PDB file of N, CA and C in Angstrom:
ATOM      1  N   MET A   1     -18.113   1.526  -5.631  1.00  0.00           N
ATOM      2  CA  MET A   1     -17.082   1.633  -4.617  1.00  0.00           C
ATOM      3  C   MET A   1     -16.037   2.642  -5.097  1.00  0.00           C
ATOM      4  N   LYS A   2     -15.606   3.524  -4.192  1.00  0.00           N
ATOM      5  CA  LYS A   2     -14.627   4.548  -4.527  1.00  0.00           C
ATOM      6  C   LYS A   2     -13.218   4.031  -4.250  1.00  0.00           C
ATOM      7  N   TYR A   3     -12.335   4.184  -5.221  1.00  0.00           N
ATOM      8  CA  TYR A   3     -10.951   3.769  -5.062  1.00  0.00           C
ATOM      9  C   TYR A   3     -10.074   4.989  -4.825  1.00  0.00           C
ATOM     10  N   VAL A   4      -9.075   4.820  -3.958  1.00  0.00           N
ATOM     11  CA  VAL A   4      -8.124   5.887  -3.655  1.00  0.00           C
ATOM     12  C   VAL A   4      -6.720   5.302  -3.733  1.00  0.00           C
ATOM     13  N   SER A   5      -5.721   6.151  -3.700  1.00  0.00           N
ATOM     14  CA  SER A   5      -4.354   5.649  -3.670  1.00  0.00           C
ATOM     15  C   SER A   5      -4.001   5.235  -2.239  1.00  0.00           C
ATOM     16  N   MET A   6      -3.057   4.330  -2.106  1.00  0.00           N
ATOM     17  CA  MET A   6      -2.700   3.769  -0.805  1.00  0.00           C
ATOM     18  C   MET A   6      -2.256   4.848   0.181  1.00  0.00           C
ATOM     19  N   ASP A   7      -1.634   5.904  -0.282  1.00  0.00           N
ATOM     20  CA  ASP A   7      -1.146   6.950   0.620  1.00  0.00           C
ATOM     21  C   ASP A   7      -2.289   7.736   1.264  1.00  0.00           C
ATOM     22  N   GLN A   8      -3.515   7.590   0.780  1.00  0.00           N
ATOM     23  CA  GLN A   8      -4.655   8.309   1.327  1.00  0.00           C
ATOM     24  C   GLN A   8      -5.408   7.522   2.407  1.00  0.00           C
ATOM     25  N   ILE A   9      -5.011   6.288   2.645  1.00  0.00           N
ATOM     26  CA  ILE A   9      -5.655   5.477   3.685  1.00  0.00           C
ATOM     27  C   ILE A   9      -5.125   5.946   5.039  1.00  0.00           C
ATOM     28  N   PRO A  10      -6.011   6.265   5.978  1.00  0.00           N
ATOM     29  CA  PRO A  10      -5.544   6.749   7.286  1.00  0.00           C
ATOM     30  C   PRO A  10      -4.893   5.644   8.114  1.00  0.00           C
ATOM     31  N   ILE A  11      -4.117   6.068   9.102  1.00  0.00           N
ATOM     32  CA  ILE A  11      -3.457   5.125  10.007  1.00  0.00           C
ATOM     33  C   ILE A  11      -4.517   4.332  10.762  1.00  0.00           C
ATOM     34  N   HIS A  12      -4.253   3.047  10.972  1.00  0.00           N
ATOM     35  CA  HIS A  12      -5.120   2.083  11.661  1.00  0.00           C
ATOM     36  C   HIS A  12      -6.356   1.720  10.843  1.00  0.00           C
ATOM     37  N   ALA A  13      -6.342   1.997   9.531  1.00  0.00           N
ATOM     38  CA  ALA A  13      -7.453   1.610   8.659  1.00  0.00           C
ATOM     39  C   ALA A  13      -7.001   0.445   7.778  1.00  0.00           C
ATOM     40  N   ASN A  14      -7.966  -0.316   7.300  1.00  0.00           N
ATOM     41  CA  ASN A  14      -7.695  -1.465   6.427  1.00  0.00           C
ATOM     42  C   ASN A  14      -8.053  -1.128   4.990  1.00  0.00           C
ATOM     43  N   GLY A  15      -7.406  -1.840   4.068  1.00  0.00           N
ATOM     44  CA  GLY A  15      -7.699  -1.655   2.657  1.00  0.00           C
ATOM     45  C   GLY A  15      -7.426  -2.922   1.871  1.00  0.00           C
ATOM     46  N   ARG A  16      -7.787  -2.888   0.598  1.00  0.00           N
ATOM     47  CA  ARG A  16      -7.548  -4.013  -0.313  1.00  0.00           C
ATOM     48  C   ARG A  16      -6.966  -3.443  -1.594  1.00  0.00           C
ATOM     49  N   ILE A  17      -5.923  -4.077  -2.090  1.00  0.00           N
ATOM     50  CA  ILE A  17      -5.252  -3.612  -3.305  1.00  0.00           C
ATOM     51  C   ILE A  17      -6.114  -3.929  -4.520  1.00  0.00           C
ATOM     52  N   ILE A  18      -6.301  -2.923  -5.369  1.00  0.00           N
ATOM     53  CA  ILE A  18      -7.086  -3.074  -6.585  1.00  0.00           C
ATOM     54  C   ILE A  18      -6.178  -3.142  -7.815  1.00  0.00           C
ATOM     55  N   ASN A  19      -5.188  -2.258  -7.878  1.00  0.00           N
ATOM     56  CA  ASN A  19      -4.322  -2.199  -9.059  1.00  0.00           C
ATOM     57  C   ASN A  19      -3.038  -1.465  -8.712  1.00  0.00           C
ATOM     58  N   ILE A  20      -1.947  -1.825  -9.391  1.00  0.00           N
ATOM     59  CA  ILE A  20      -0.663  -1.137  -9.229  1.00  0.00           C
ATOM     60  C   ILE A  20      -0.321  -0.488 -10.563  1.00  0.00           C
ATOM     61  N   ASN A  21      -0.250   0.837 -10.586  1.00  0.00           N
ATOM     62  CA  ASN A  21       0.034   1.596 -11.805  1.00  0.00           C
ATOM     63  C   ASN A  21       1.444   2.166 -11.736  1.00  0.00           C
ATOM     64  N   ILE A  22       2.438   1.334 -11.996  1.00  0.00           N
ATOM     65  CA  ILE A  22       3.825   1.756 -11.868  1.00  0.00           C
ATOM     66  C   ILE A  22       4.662   0.980 -12.876  1.00  0.00           C
ATOM     67  N   ASP A  23       5.902   1.415 -13.119  1.00  0.00           N
ATOM     68  CA  ASP A  23       6.734   0.753 -14.131  1.00  0.00           C
ATOM     69  C   ASP A  23       6.983  -0.713 -13.772  1.00  0.00           C
ATOM     70  N   ASN A  24       7.286  -1.508 -14.778  1.00  0.00           N
ATOM     71  CA  ASN A  24       7.366  -2.961 -14.616  1.00  0.00           C
ATOM     72  C   ASN A  24       8.416  -3.425 -13.619  1.00  0.00           C
ATOM     73  N   VAL A  25       9.572  -2.748 -13.552  1.00  0.00           N
ATOM     74  CA  VAL A  25      10.635  -3.182 -12.642  1.00  0.00           C
ATOM     75  C   VAL A  25      10.178  -3.034 -11.192  1.00  0.00           C
ATOM     76  N   LEU A  26       9.658  -1.868 -10.849  1.00  0.00           N
ATOM     77  CA  LEU A  26       9.195  -1.649  -9.479  1.00  0.00           C
ATOM     78  C   LEU A  26       7.950  -2.478  -9.183  1.00  0.00           C
ATOM     79  N   LYS A  27       7.075  -2.644 -10.174  1.00  0.00           N
ATOM     80  CA  LYS A  27       5.874  -3.454  -9.973  1.00  0.00           C
ATOM     81  C   LYS A  27       6.253  -4.888  -9.622  1.00  0.00           C
ATOM     82  N   LYS A  28       7.269  -5.432 -10.274  1.00  0.00           N
ATOM     83  CA  LYS A  28       7.716  -6.797  -9.969  1.00  0.00           C
ATOM     84  C   LYS A  28       8.246  -6.877  -8.544  1.00  0.00           C
ATOM     85  N   LYS A  29       9.009  -5.884  -8.122  1.00  0.00           N
ATOM     86  CA  LYS A  29       9.529  -5.884  -6.749  1.00  0.00           C
ATOM     87  C   LYS A  29       8.387  -5.845  -5.733  1.00  0.00           C
ATOM     88  N   LEU A  30       7.395  -4.995  -5.993  1.00  0.00           N
ATOM     89  CA  LEU A  30       6.272  -4.884  -5.069  1.00  0.00           C
ATOM     90  C   LEU A  30       5.447  -6.167  -5.029  1.00  0.00           C
ATOM     91  N   THR A  31       5.211  -6.772  -6.188  1.00  0.00           N
ATOM     92  CA  THR A  31       4.440  -8.020  -6.198  1.00  0.00           C
ATOM     93  C   THR A  31       5.226  -9.149  -5.532  1.00  0.00           C
ATOM     94  N   ASP A  32       6.551  -9.149  -5.668  1.00  0.00           N
ATOM     95  CA  ASP A  32       7.366 -10.153  -4.978  1.00  0.00           C
ATOM     96  C   ASP A  32       7.273 -10.005  -3.464  1.00  0.00           C
ATOM     97  N   MET A  33       6.995  -8.792  -2.990  1.00  0.00           N
ATOM     98  CA  MET A  33       6.846  -8.548  -1.556  1.00  0.00           C
ATOM     99  C   MET A  33       5.419  -8.807  -1.072  1.00  0.00           C
ATOM    100  N   GLY A  34       4.525  -9.212  -1.965  1.00  0.00           N
ATOM    101  CA  GLY A  34       3.168  -9.567  -1.563  1.00  0.00           C
ATOM    102  C   GLY A  34       2.102  -8.553  -1.912  1.00  0.00           C
ATOM    103  N   LEU A  35       2.461  -7.457  -2.553  1.00  0.00           N
ATOM    104  CA  LEU A  35       1.477  -6.443  -2.941  1.00  0.00           C
ATOM    105  C   LEU A  35       0.855  -6.840  -4.276  1.00  0.00           C
ATOM    106  N   VAL A  36      -0.148  -7.702  -4.209  1.00  0.00           N
ATOM    107  CA  VAL A  36      -0.836  -8.164  -5.409  1.00  0.00           C
ATOM    108  C   VAL A  36      -2.321  -7.838  -5.299  1.00  0.00           C
ATOM    109  N   LYS A  37      -2.979  -7.814  -6.426  1.00  0.00           N
ATOM    110  CA  LYS A  37      -4.408  -7.496  -6.478  1.00  0.00           C
ATOM    111  C   LYS A  37      -5.186  -8.404  -5.537  1.00  0.00           C
ATOM    112  N   GLY A  38      -6.057  -7.806  -4.736  1.00  0.00           N
ATOM    113  CA  GLY A  38      -6.890  -8.561  -3.811  1.00  0.00           C
ATOM    114  C   GLY A  38      -6.313  -8.716  -2.419  1.00  0.00           C
ATOM    115  N   THR A  39      -5.055  -8.349  -2.212  1.00  0.00           N
ATOM    116  CA  THR A  39      -4.431  -8.488  -0.902  1.00  0.00           C
ATOM    117  C   THR A  39      -4.957  -7.426   0.055  1.00  0.00           C
ATOM    118  N   GLU A  40      -5.354  -7.852   1.235  1.00  0.00           N
ATOM    119  CA  GLU A  40      -5.805  -6.915   2.258  1.00  0.00           C
ATOM    120  C   GLU A  40      -4.613  -6.502   3.112  1.00  0.00           C
ATOM    121  N   PHE A  41      -4.638  -5.265   3.584  1.00  0.00           N
ATOM    122  CA  PHE A  41      -3.548  -4.721   4.380  1.00  0.00           C
ATOM    123  C   PHE A  41      -4.104  -3.778   5.430  1.00  0.00           C
ATOM    124  N   ARG A  42      -3.244  -3.403   6.364  1.00  0.00           N
ATOM    125  CA  ARG A  42      -3.588  -2.432   7.404  1.00  0.00           C
ATOM    126  C   ARG A  42      -2.463  -1.422   7.475  1.00  0.00           C
ATOM    127  N   VAL A  43      -2.800  -0.140   7.515  1.00  0.00           N
ATOM    128  CA  VAL A  43      -1.798   0.912   7.679  1.00  0.00           C
ATOM    129  C   VAL A  43      -1.536   1.034   9.174  1.00  0.00           C
ATOM    130  N   ASP A  44      -0.300   0.720   9.576  1.00  0.00           N
ATOM    131  CA  ASP A  44       0.046   0.720  10.999  1.00  0.00           C
ATOM    132  C   ASP A  44       0.707   2.007  11.468  1.00  0.00           C
ATOM    133  N   GLY A  45       1.239   2.795  10.562  1.00  0.00           N
ATOM    134  CA  GLY A  45       1.883   4.024  10.997  1.00  0.00           C
ATOM    135  C   GLY A  45       2.664   4.680   9.882  1.00  0.00           C
ATOM    136  N   GLN A  46       3.382   5.722  10.267  1.00  0.00           N
ATOM    137  CA  GLN A  46       4.228   6.418   9.307  1.00  0.00           C
ATOM    138  C   GLN A  46       5.411   7.012  10.049  1.00  0.00           C
ATOM    139  N   ALA A  47       6.446   7.338   9.326  1.00  0.00           N
ATOM    140  CA  ALA A  47       7.620   7.968   9.911  1.00  0.00           C
ATOM    141  C   ALA A  47       7.240   9.368  10.401  1.00  0.00           C
ATOM    142  N   PRO A  48       8.030   9.942  11.296  1.00  0.00           N
ATOM    143  CA  PRO A  48       7.678  11.259  11.852  1.00  0.00           C
ATOM    144  C   PRO A  48       7.411  12.346  10.813  1.00  0.00           C
ATOM    145  N   LEU A  49       8.080  12.327   9.693  1.00  0.00           N
ATOM    146  CA  LEU A  49       7.842  13.328   8.660  1.00  0.00           C
ATOM    147  C   LEU A  49       6.838  12.858   7.604  1.00  0.00           C
ATOM    148  N   GLY A  50       6.211  11.705   7.829  1.00  0.00           N
ATOM    149  CA  GLY A  50       5.155  11.227   6.945  1.00  0.00           C
ATOM    150  C   GLY A  50       5.596  10.292   5.835  1.00  0.00           C
ATOM    151  N   ASP A  51       6.885  10.039   5.716  1.00  0.00           N
ATOM    152  CA  ASP A  51       7.367   9.168   4.645  1.00  0.00           C
ATOM    153  C   ASP A  51       8.526   8.346   5.171  1.00  0.00           C
ATOM    154  N   PRO A  52       8.510   7.035   5.128  1.00  0.00           N
ATOM    155  CA  PRO A  52       7.559   6.136   4.470  1.00  0.00           C
ATOM    156  C   PRO A  52       6.373   5.803   5.379  1.00  0.00           C
ATOM    157  N   ILE A  53       5.438   5.031   4.805  1.00  0.00           N
ATOM    158  CA  ILE A  53       4.317   4.548   5.597  1.00  0.00           C
ATOM    159  C   ILE A  53       4.537   3.056   5.884  1.00  0.00           C
ATOM    160  N   LYS A  54       4.032   2.614   7.022  1.00  0.00           N
ATOM    161  CA  LYS A  54       4.203   1.222   7.445  1.00  0.00           C
ATOM    162  C   LYS A  54       2.870   0.507   7.287  1.00  0.00           C
ATOM    163  N   ILE A  55       2.889  -0.596   6.543  1.00  0.00           N
ATOM    164  CA  ILE A  55       1.679  -1.400   6.363  1.00  0.00           C
ATOM    165  C   ILE A  55       1.942  -2.824   6.830  1.00  0.00           C
ATOM    166  N   ASN A  56       0.878  -3.499   7.200  1.00  0.00           N
ATOM    167  CA  ASN A  56       0.958  -4.898   7.587  1.00  0.00           C
ATOM    168  C   ASN A  56       0.111  -5.686   6.604  1.00  0.00           C
ATOM    169  N   LEU A  57       0.726  -6.679   5.966  1.00  0.00           N
ATOM    170  CA  LEU A  57       0.006  -7.538   5.042  1.00  0.00           C
ATOM    171  C   LEU A  57       0.604  -8.928   5.079  1.00  0.00           C
ATOM    172  N   ARG A  58      -0.234  -9.918   4.901  1.00  0.00           N
ATOM    173  CA  ARG A  58       0.195 -11.319   4.853  1.00  0.00           C
ATOM    174  C   ARG A  58       1.054 -11.725   6.051  1.00  0.00           C
ATOM    175  N   GLY A  59       0.808 -11.098   7.206  1.00  0.00           N
ATOM    176  CA  GLY A  59       1.505 -11.486   8.426  1.00  0.00           C
ATOM    177  C   GLY A  59       2.861 -10.834   8.644  1.00  0.00           C
ATOM    178  N   TYR A  60       3.233  -9.836   7.862  1.00  0.00           N
ATOM    179  CA  TYR A  60       4.497  -9.143   8.099  1.00  0.00           C
ATOM    180  C   TYR A  60       4.337  -7.651   7.847  1.00  0.00           C
ATOM    181  N   ASN A  61       5.290  -6.891   8.378  1.00  0.00           N
ATOM    182  CA  ASN A  61       5.284  -5.446   8.213  1.00  0.00           C
ATOM    183  C   ASN A  61       6.150  -5.048   7.032  1.00  0.00           C
ATOM    184  N   LEU A  62       5.707  -4.018   6.326  1.00  0.00           N
ATOM    185  CA  LEU A  62       6.414  -3.520   5.151  1.00  0.00           C
ATOM    186  C   LEU A  62       6.333  -2.004   5.176  1.00  0.00           C
ATOM    187  N   THR A  63       7.451  -1.348   4.891  1.00  0.00           N
ATOM    188  CA  THR A  63       7.410   0.102   4.737  1.00  0.00           C
ATOM    189  C   THR A  63       7.519   0.416   3.253  1.00  0.00           C
ATOM    190  N   ILE A  64       6.772   1.402   2.836  1.00  0.00           N
ATOM    191  CA  ILE A  64       6.725   1.766   1.428  1.00  0.00           C
ATOM    192  C   ILE A  64       6.754   3.287   1.320  1.00  0.00           C
ATOM    193  N   ARG A  65       7.514   3.767   0.345  1.00  0.00           N
ATOM    194  CA  ARG A  65       7.595   5.213   0.137  1.00  0.00           C
ATOM    195  C   ARG A  65       6.235   5.752  -0.277  1.00  0.00           C
ATOM    196  N   ARG A  66       5.931   6.926   0.213  1.00  0.00           N
ATOM    197  CA  ARG A  66       4.658   7.563  -0.111  1.00  0.00           C
ATOM    198  C   ARG A  66       4.537   7.779  -1.619  1.00  0.00           C
ATOM    199  N   SER A  67       5.639   8.087  -2.304  1.00  0.00           N
ATOM    200  CA  SER A  67       5.592   8.297  -3.754  1.00  0.00           C
ATOM    201  C   SER A  67       5.213   7.016  -4.493  1.00  0.00           C
ATOM    202  N   ASP A  68       5.626   5.861  -3.972  1.00  0.00           N
ATOM    203  CA  ASP A  68       5.224   4.582  -4.578  1.00  0.00           C
ATOM    204  C   ASP A  68       3.786   4.235  -4.204  1.00  0.00           C
ATOM    205  N   ALA A  69       3.389   4.557  -2.968  1.00  0.00           N
ATOM    206  CA  ALA A  69       2.026   4.261  -2.522  1.00  0.00           C
ATOM    207  C   ALA A  69       0.990   5.055  -3.320  1.00  0.00           C
ATOM    208  N   LYS A  70       1.376   6.195  -3.868  1.00  0.00           N
ATOM    209  CA  LYS A  70       0.448   6.997  -4.671  1.00  0.00           C
ATOM    210  C   LYS A  70       0.038   6.278  -5.957  1.00  0.00           C
ATOM    211  N   ASN A  71       0.844   5.307  -6.388  1.00  0.00           N
ATOM    212  CA  ASN A  71       0.570   4.577  -7.617  1.00  0.00           C
ATOM    213  C   ASN A  71      -0.146   3.250  -7.389  1.00  0.00           C
ATOM    214  N   ILE A  72      -0.527   2.966  -6.153  1.00  0.00           N
ATOM    215  CA  ILE A  72      -1.223   1.729  -5.821  1.00  0.00           C
ATOM    216  C   ILE A  72      -2.673   2.086  -5.496  1.00  0.00           C
ATOM    217  N   MET A  73      -3.597   1.659  -6.335  1.00  0.00           N
ATOM    218  CA  MET A  73      -5.009   1.939  -6.129  1.00  0.00           C
ATOM    219  C   MET A  73      -5.604   0.890  -5.185  1.00  0.00           C
ATOM    220  N   VAL A  74      -6.356   1.363  -4.184  1.00  0.00           N
ATOM    221  CA  VAL A  74      -6.926   0.483  -3.175  1.00  0.00           C
ATOM    222  C   VAL A  74      -8.363   0.899  -2.885  1.00  0.00           C
ATOM    223  N   GLU A  75      -9.067   0.015  -2.198  1.00  0.00           N
ATOM    224  CA  GLU A  75     -10.369   0.382  -1.648  1.00  0.00           C
ATOM    225  C   GLU A  75     -10.245   0.280  -0.138  1.00  0.00           C
ATOM    226  N   GLN A  76     -10.792   1.250   0.563  1.00  0.00           N
ATOM    227  CA  GLN A  76     -10.757   1.230   2.017  1.00  0.00           C
ATOM    228  C   GLN A  76     -11.838   0.308   2.532  1.00  0.00           C
ATOM    229  N   LEU A  77     -11.491  -0.536   3.480  1.00  0.00           N
ATOM    230  CA  LEU A  77     -12.442  -1.493   4.058  1.00  0.00           C
ATOM    231  C   LEU A  77     -12.946  -0.992   5.400  1.00  0.00           C
TER     232      LEU A  77
END
Protein backbone atom coordinates (compact mmCIF):
# COMPACT_ATOMS: atom_id res chain seq x y z
CA MET A 1 0.00 0.00 0.00
CA LYS A 2 1.32 3.45 -0.94
CA TYR A 3 1.31 6.13 1.75
CA VAL A 4 1.08 9.85 1.00
CA SER A 5 0.89 12.98 3.11
CA MET A 6 -2.57 14.24 4.08
CA ASP A 7 -2.25 17.35 1.89
CA GLN A 8 -2.10 15.11 -1.21
CA ILE A 9 -5.53 13.53 -0.67
CA PRO A 10 -8.02 15.06 -3.14
CA ILE A 11 -11.23 16.77 -2.08
CA HIS A 12 -14.15 14.36 -1.41
CA ALA A 13 -11.73 11.42 -0.93
CA ASN A 14 -11.33 9.29 2.21
CA GLY A 15 -8.17 8.31 4.01
CA ARG A 16 -6.78 6.67 7.13
CA ILE A 17 -4.04 8.11 9.33
CA ILE A 18 -0.89 6.00 9.44
CA ASN A 19 1.62 8.18 11.30
CA ILE A 20 2.21 11.77 12.46
CA ASN A 21 5.79 12.99 11.93
CA ILE A 22 5.84 16.31 13.77
CA ASP A 23 7.22 17.82 17.00
CA ASN A 24 5.77 16.57 20.27
CA VAL A 25 3.87 19.74 21.24
CA LEU A 26 1.94 19.95 17.97
CA LYS A 27 1.54 16.16 17.83
CA LYS A 28 -0.18 16.24 21.24
CA LYS A 29 -2.55 18.97 20.07
CA LEU A 30 -3.43 17.02 16.93
CA THR A 31 -3.98 13.76 18.80
CA ASP A 32 -6.17 15.60 21.33
CA MET A 33 -8.32 16.70 18.38
CA GLY A 34 -8.73 13.07 17.25
CA LEU A 35 -5.94 12.70 14.69
CA VAL A 36 -4.61 9.35 15.87
CA LYS A 37 -3.26 6.33 14.03
CA GLY A 38 -6.04 4.34 12.37
CA THR A 39 -8.58 7.18 12.29
CA GLU A 40 -10.50 7.46 9.03
CA PHE A 41 -11.29 10.90 7.63
CA ARG A 42 -12.76 12.62 4.58
CA VAL A 43 -11.37 15.74 2.91
CA ASP A 44 -14.38 18.02 2.53
CA GLY A 45 -12.77 21.10 1.02
CA GLN A 46 -10.17 23.79 1.20
CA ALA A 47 -9.99 27.55 1.52
CA PRO A 48 -10.03 29.55 -1.74
CA LEU A 49 -6.23 29.87 -1.78
CA GLY A 50 -5.74 26.20 -0.84
CA ASP A 51 -4.83 26.63 2.83
CA PRO A 52 -6.20 25.38 5.24
CA ILE A 53 -7.89 22.14 4.26
CA LYS A 54 -11.15 20.98 5.84
CA ILE A 55 -11.47 17.37 6.97
CA ASN A 56 -14.26 15.46 8.64
CA LEU A 57 -13.36 12.84 11.23
CA ARG A 58 -15.09 11.25 14.20
CA GLY A 59 -18.30 13.15 13.42
CA TYR A 60 -16.91 16.70 13.36
CA ASN A 61 -15.18 19.08 10.98
CA LEU A 62 -11.59 20.19 11.48
CA THR A 63 -9.45 22.59 9.50
CA ILE A 64 -5.73 21.96 9.38
CA ARG A 65 -2.91 23.96 7.85
CA ARG A 66 -1.45 22.44 4.73
CA SER A 67 2.05 22.71 6.27
CA ASP A 68 0.91 20.52 9.18
CA ALA A 69 -0.95 18.11 6.88
CA LYS A 70 2.31 17.48 5.01
CA ASN A 71 3.65 15.79 8.16
CA ILE A 72 0.71 13.39 8.55
CA MET A 73 1.17 10.16 6.60
CA VAL A 74 -2.07 8.55 5.39
CA GLU A 75 -3.36 5.91 3.04
CA GLN A 76 -6.09 6.83 0.60
CA LEU A 77 -9.18 4.64 0.85
